[in-house]
N, C-alpha and C. Protein backbone atom coordinates (compact mmCIF):
# COMPACT_ATOMS: atom_id res chain seq x y z
N UNK A 1 17.71 -24.20 -12.07
CA UNK A 1 17.75 -23.73 -10.51
C UNK A 1 17.74 -22.19 -10.98
N UNK A 2 18.77 -21.81 -11.34
CA UNK A 2 19.58 -20.14 -11.34
C UNK A 2 18.24 -19.87 -12.47
N UNK A 3 18.13 -20.26 -13.12
CA UNK A 3 16.71 -19.69 -14.40
C UNK A 3 15.43 -19.63 -13.82
N UNK A 4 15.09 -20.70 -12.86
CA UNK A 4 13.86 -20.47 -11.87
C UNK A 4 13.67 -19.19 -11.25
N UNK A 5 15.14 -19.27 -10.23
CA UNK A 5 15.03 -17.69 -9.60
C UNK A 5 15.02 -16.80 -10.13
N UNK A 6 15.67 -16.64 -11.43
CA UNK A 6 15.33 -15.23 -12.13
C UNK A 6 14.19 -14.95 -12.39
N UNK A 7 13.24 -16.18 -12.88
CA UNK A 7 11.59 -15.75 -13.25
C UNK A 7 11.22 -15.12 -12.25
N UNK A 8 11.55 -15.23 -10.97
CA UNK A 8 10.91 -14.78 -9.88
C UNK A 8 11.19 -13.13 -9.70
N UNK A 9 12.38 -13.04 -10.16
CA UNK A 9 12.94 -11.61 -9.74
C UNK A 9 11.65 -10.12 -9.79
N UNK A 10 10.85 -10.37 -10.68
CA UNK A 10 9.91 -9.19 -10.71
C UNK A 10 9.42 -8.82 -9.52
N UNK A 11 9.10 -10.08 -8.56
CA UNK A 11 8.49 -10.25 -7.37
C UNK A 11 9.38 -8.92 -6.59
N UNK A 12 10.19 -9.00 -6.81
CA UNK A 12 11.01 -7.95 -6.07
C UNK A 12 10.48 -6.48 -6.26
N UNK A 13 9.83 -6.49 -6.81
CA UNK A 13 9.33 -4.84 -7.69
C UNK A 13 8.30 -4.51 -6.23
N UNK A 14 7.47 -5.50 -5.41
CA UNK A 14 6.56 -5.36 -4.05
C UNK A 14 7.27 -4.62 -3.44
N UNK A 15 8.48 -4.75 -3.24
CA UNK A 15 9.43 -4.09 -2.21
C UNK A 15 9.17 -2.34 -2.29
N UNK A 16 8.51 -1.91 -3.66
CA UNK A 16 8.60 -0.89 -3.91
C UNK A 16 7.25 -0.05 -2.66
N UNK A 17 6.21 -0.67 -2.37
CA UNK A 17 5.30 -0.31 -1.67
C UNK A 17 5.73 0.01 -0.26
N UNK A 18 6.58 -1.02 0.44
CA UNK A 18 7.11 -0.46 1.68
C UNK A 18 8.12 0.45 1.83
N UNK A 19 9.02 0.29 0.68
CA UNK A 19 9.58 1.59 0.35
C UNK A 19 8.89 3.00 0.33
N UNK A 20 7.66 3.02 -0.40
CA UNK A 20 7.05 4.51 -0.59
C UNK A 20 6.25 4.74 0.91
N UNK A 21 6.11 3.61 1.50
CA UNK A 21 5.37 4.20 2.87
C UNK A 21 6.32 4.65 3.65
N UNK A 22 7.41 4.25 3.59
CA UNK A 22 8.42 5.08 4.38
C UNK A 22 8.54 6.71 4.08
N UNK A 23 8.21 6.79 3.08
CA UNK A 23 7.99 8.36 2.98
C UNK A 23 6.99 8.96 3.32
N UNK A 24 5.87 8.23 3.28
CA UNK A 24 4.67 8.49 3.77
C UNK A 24 4.66 8.81 5.24
N UNK A 25 5.62 8.05 6.17
CA UNK A 25 5.84 8.59 7.74
C UNK A 25 6.76 9.60 7.97
N UNK A 26 7.56 9.93 6.77
CA UNK A 26 8.42 11.01 7.04
C UNK A 26 7.84 12.25 6.69
N UNK A 27 6.85 12.07 5.78
CA UNK A 27 5.85 13.15 5.55
C UNK A 27 4.83 13.48 6.23
N UNK A 28 4.13 12.73 7.05
CA UNK A 28 2.82 12.68 7.86
C UNK A 28 3.35 13.15 9.14
N UNK A 29 3.54 14.65 9.03
CA UNK A 29 3.94 15.11 11.10
C UNK A 29 2.99 16.20 10.75
N UNK A 30 2.78 16.72 11.96
CA UNK A 30 1.96 17.74 12.37
C UNK A 30 2.88 19.06 12.33
N UNK A 31 4.20 18.92 11.74
CA UNK A 31 4.36 20.52 11.85
C UNK A 31 3.96 21.53 10.80
N UNK A 32 3.85 22.61 10.92
CA UNK A 32 3.11 23.90 10.23
C UNK A 32 1.69 23.85 9.92
N UNK A 33 0.87 24.38 9.28
CA UNK A 33 -0.27 24.61 9.14
C UNK A 33 -1.34 23.02 8.85
N UNK A 34 -1.78 22.79 9.78
CA UNK A 34 -2.62 21.44 9.50
C UNK A 34 -3.90 21.74 9.74
N UNK A 35 -4.62 20.91 8.73
CA UNK A 35 -6.01 21.06 8.70
C UNK A 35 -6.51 19.44 9.18
N UNK A 36 -7.09 19.57 10.28
CA UNK A 36 -8.24 18.35 10.63
C UNK A 36 -9.23 17.96 9.74
N UNK A 37 -9.77 16.58 9.33
CA UNK A 37 -11.02 16.49 8.75
C UNK A 37 -11.70 15.55 9.19
N UNK A 38 -11.44 15.83 10.89
CA UNK A 38 -12.40 14.92 11.33
C UNK A 38 -13.83 15.86 11.59
N UNK A 39 -14.84 14.76 11.69
CA UNK A 39 -16.15 15.51 11.86
C UNK A 39 -17.02 15.10 12.98
N UNK A 40 -17.64 15.36 13.66
CA UNK A 40 -18.91 15.31 14.55
C UNK A 40 -19.11 13.71 14.43
N UNK A 41 -19.46 13.41 13.34
CA UNK A 41 -19.92 11.76 13.16
C UNK A 41 -18.41 11.16 13.62
N UNK A 42 -17.39 11.31 12.88
CA UNK A 42 -16.34 10.92 13.31
C UNK A 42 -16.21 10.39 14.89
N UNK A 43 -16.07 11.37 15.67
CA UNK A 43 -15.82 11.34 17.05
C UNK A 43 -17.09 10.79 17.54
N UNK A 44 -18.12 10.42 17.10
CA UNK A 44 -19.23 9.43 17.54
C UNK A 44 -19.17 7.81 17.36
N UNK A 45 -17.91 7.41 16.53
CA UNK A 45 -17.96 6.40 16.28
C UNK A 45 -16.75 5.78 17.28
N UNK A 46 -17.09 4.41 18.00
CA UNK A 46 -16.32 3.97 19.19
C UNK A 46 -15.24 3.41 18.19
N UNK A 47 -13.71 3.25 19.33
CA UNK A 47 -12.95 2.56 18.71
C UNK A 47 -12.84 1.17 18.94
N UNK A 48 -13.09 0.31 18.47
CA UNK A 48 -13.20 -1.19 18.59
C UNK A 48 -11.73 -1.79 18.12
N UNK A 49 -11.10 -2.27 19.06
CA UNK A 49 -9.41 -3.10 18.71
C UNK A 49 -9.86 -3.97 17.75
N UNK A 50 -11.09 -4.60 17.65
CA UNK A 50 -10.85 -6.02 16.85
C UNK A 50 -11.30 -5.35 15.25
N UNK A 51 -11.26 -4.20 14.88
CA UNK A 51 -11.18 -3.96 13.93
C UNK A 51 -9.92 -3.96 13.28
N UNK A 52 -8.94 -3.81 13.91
CA UNK A 52 -7.49 -3.81 13.47
C UNK A 52 -7.07 -5.24 12.48
N UNK A 53 -8.28 -6.27 12.91
CA UNK A 53 -7.36 -7.52 11.89
C UNK A 53 -8.01 -7.13 10.72
N UNK A 54 -9.47 -6.77 10.20
CA UNK A 54 -9.51 -6.63 9.01
C UNK A 54 -8.84 -5.55 8.15
N UNK A 55 -8.13 -4.33 9.21
CA UNK A 55 -7.34 -3.63 8.68
C UNK A 55 -5.84 -3.98 8.33
N UNK A 56 -5.32 -4.80 8.79
CA UNK A 56 -4.11 -5.71 8.72
C UNK A 56 -4.09 -6.49 7.46
N UNK A 57 -5.41 -7.34 7.45
CA UNK A 57 -5.80 -8.20 6.39
C UNK A 57 -5.75 -7.69 5.37
N UNK A 58 -5.86 -6.63 4.83
CA UNK A 58 -5.95 -5.71 3.87
C UNK A 58 -4.70 -5.81 3.21
N UNK A 59 -3.68 -5.52 4.15
CA UNK A 59 -2.25 -5.75 3.41
C UNK A 59 -1.96 -7.31 3.08
N UNK A 60 -2.49 -7.91 3.76
CA UNK A 60 -2.01 -9.38 3.26
C UNK A 60 -2.89 -9.88 1.55
N UNK A 61 -4.11 -9.40 1.93
CA UNK A 61 -4.84 -9.42 0.44
C UNK A 61 -4.14 -8.69 -0.60
N UNK A 62 -3.74 -7.26 -0.50
CA UNK A 62 -3.34 -7.12 -1.40
C UNK A 62 -1.84 -7.49 -2.04
N UNK A 63 -0.98 -7.77 -1.15
CA UNK A 63 0.23 -8.89 -1.84
C UNK A 63 -0.17 -9.94 -2.09
N UNK A 64 -1.35 -10.66 -1.42
CA UNK A 64 -1.70 -12.17 -1.97
C UNK A 64 -2.01 -12.00 -3.44
N UNK A 65 -3.10 -10.68 -3.97
CA UNK A 65 -3.71 -10.64 -5.11
C UNK A 65 -2.45 -10.27 -6.11
N UNK A 66 -1.48 -9.32 -5.59
CA UNK A 66 -0.59 -8.74 -6.47
C UNK A 66 0.35 -10.09 -7.05
N UNK A 67 0.55 -10.86 -6.31
CA UNK A 67 1.52 -12.20 -6.36
C UNK A 67 0.42 -13.25 -7.50
N UNK A 68 -0.79 -13.30 -6.79
CA UNK A 68 -1.34 -14.52 -7.92
C UNK A 68 -1.44 -13.66 -9.47
N UNK A 69 -1.63 -12.43 -9.54
CA UNK A 69 -1.49 -11.64 -10.44
C UNK A 69 -0.02 -11.78 -11.23
N UNK A 70 1.01 -11.58 -10.81
CA UNK A 70 2.07 -12.15 -11.03
C UNK A 70 2.12 -13.47 -11.67
N UNK A 71 1.40 -14.52 -10.90
CA UNK A 71 1.66 -16.09 -12.05
C UNK A 71 0.79 -16.39 -13.09
N UNK A 72 -0.47 -15.27 -13.03
CA UNK A 72 -1.49 -15.69 -14.45
C UNK A 72 -1.20 -14.60 -15.12
N UNK A 73 -0.55 -13.24 -14.96
CA UNK A 73 -0.31 -12.08 -15.81
C UNK A 73 0.67 -11.54 -15.59
N UNK A 74 1.95 -11.99 -16.33
CA UNK A 74 3.40 -10.94 -15.73
C UNK A 74 3.13 -9.81 -16.34
N UNK A 75 2.70 -9.18 -17.12
CA UNK A 75 2.34 -7.59 -18.05
C UNK A 75 1.22 -7.29 -17.11
N UNK A 76 -0.10 -7.95 -16.86
CA UNK A 76 -1.11 -7.05 -15.94
C UNK A 76 -0.14 -6.70 -14.21
N UNK A 77 0.76 -7.92 -14.36
CA UNK A 77 1.18 -7.59 -12.78
C UNK A 77 2.28 -6.07 -12.85
N UNK A 78 3.00 -5.93 -13.70
CA UNK A 78 3.63 -5.06 -13.46
C UNK A 78 2.76 -3.61 -14.01
N UNK A 79 1.94 -3.48 -14.56
CA UNK A 79 1.03 -2.51 -15.13
C UNK A 79 0.05 -2.23 -13.71
N UNK A 80 -0.16 -3.40 -13.01
CA UNK A 80 -1.26 -3.16 -11.85
C UNK A 80 -0.18 -2.44 -10.65
N UNK A 81 0.84 -2.92 -10.68
CA UNK A 81 1.98 -2.34 -9.29
C UNK A 81 2.08 -1.01 -10.11
N UNK A 82 2.70 -0.60 -10.93
CA UNK A 82 2.89 0.92 -11.42
C UNK A 82 1.60 1.42 -11.17
N UNK A 83 0.65 0.99 -11.66
CA UNK A 83 -0.47 2.23 -10.98
C UNK A 83 -0.79 2.43 -9.58
N UNK A 84 -0.77 1.24 -8.68
CA UNK A 84 -0.59 1.29 -7.10
C UNK A 84 0.22 2.02 -6.78
N UNK A 85 1.56 2.30 -7.20
CA UNK A 85 2.48 2.89 -6.99
C UNK A 85 2.39 4.54 -7.06
N UNK A 86 1.94 4.72 -8.52
CA UNK A 86 1.63 5.88 -8.94
C UNK A 86 0.30 6.79 -7.79
N UNK A 87 -0.54 5.75 -7.78
CA UNK A 87 -1.68 6.08 -6.76
C UNK A 87 -1.37 6.64 -5.41
N UNK A 88 -0.07 5.81 -4.93
CA UNK A 88 0.22 6.01 -3.49
C UNK A 88 1.23 7.41 -3.52
N UNK A 89 1.97 7.44 -4.65
CA UNK A 89 2.92 9.06 -4.69
C UNK A 89 1.80 10.04 -4.80
N UNK A 90 0.85 9.76 -5.68
CA UNK A 90 -0.26 10.90 -5.91
C UNK A 90 -0.63 11.15 -4.51
N UNK A 91 -1.41 10.03 -3.88
CA UNK A 91 -1.86 10.45 -2.76
C UNK A 91 -0.93 11.34 -1.43
N UNK A 92 0.25 10.61 -1.45
CA UNK A 92 1.11 11.33 -0.36
C UNK A 92 1.80 12.74 -0.78
N UNK A 93 1.50 13.27 -2.17
CA UNK A 93 1.72 14.49 -2.82
C UNK A 93 0.40 15.32 -2.24
N UNK A 94 -0.49 14.89 -2.26
CA UNK A 94 -1.92 15.45 -1.97
C UNK A 94 -2.00 15.76 -0.29
N UNK A 95 -2.35 14.34 0.42
CA UNK A 95 -2.26 14.68 1.63
C UNK A 95 -1.44 15.13 2.24
């Protein structure tokens, strides 16, 4: 039993994504000089609450695909997770 649980420990690295999102929340504030990237086309697009569903499903999809990747290819899972986290950090530094 203990050996089985030990095999799933690498899945805990998925918690790195919400941890990185905490940094984004801390960095994403309007203090200082801020440039808006909103265009006139953006203002013409209406907000429809129903589109929140695919947005939230995206997080479920990414988590599910990473878990599937874990069960199919552990090395690929690690590489994909490192790449995803590196991309998040790079975006947070730029944004």
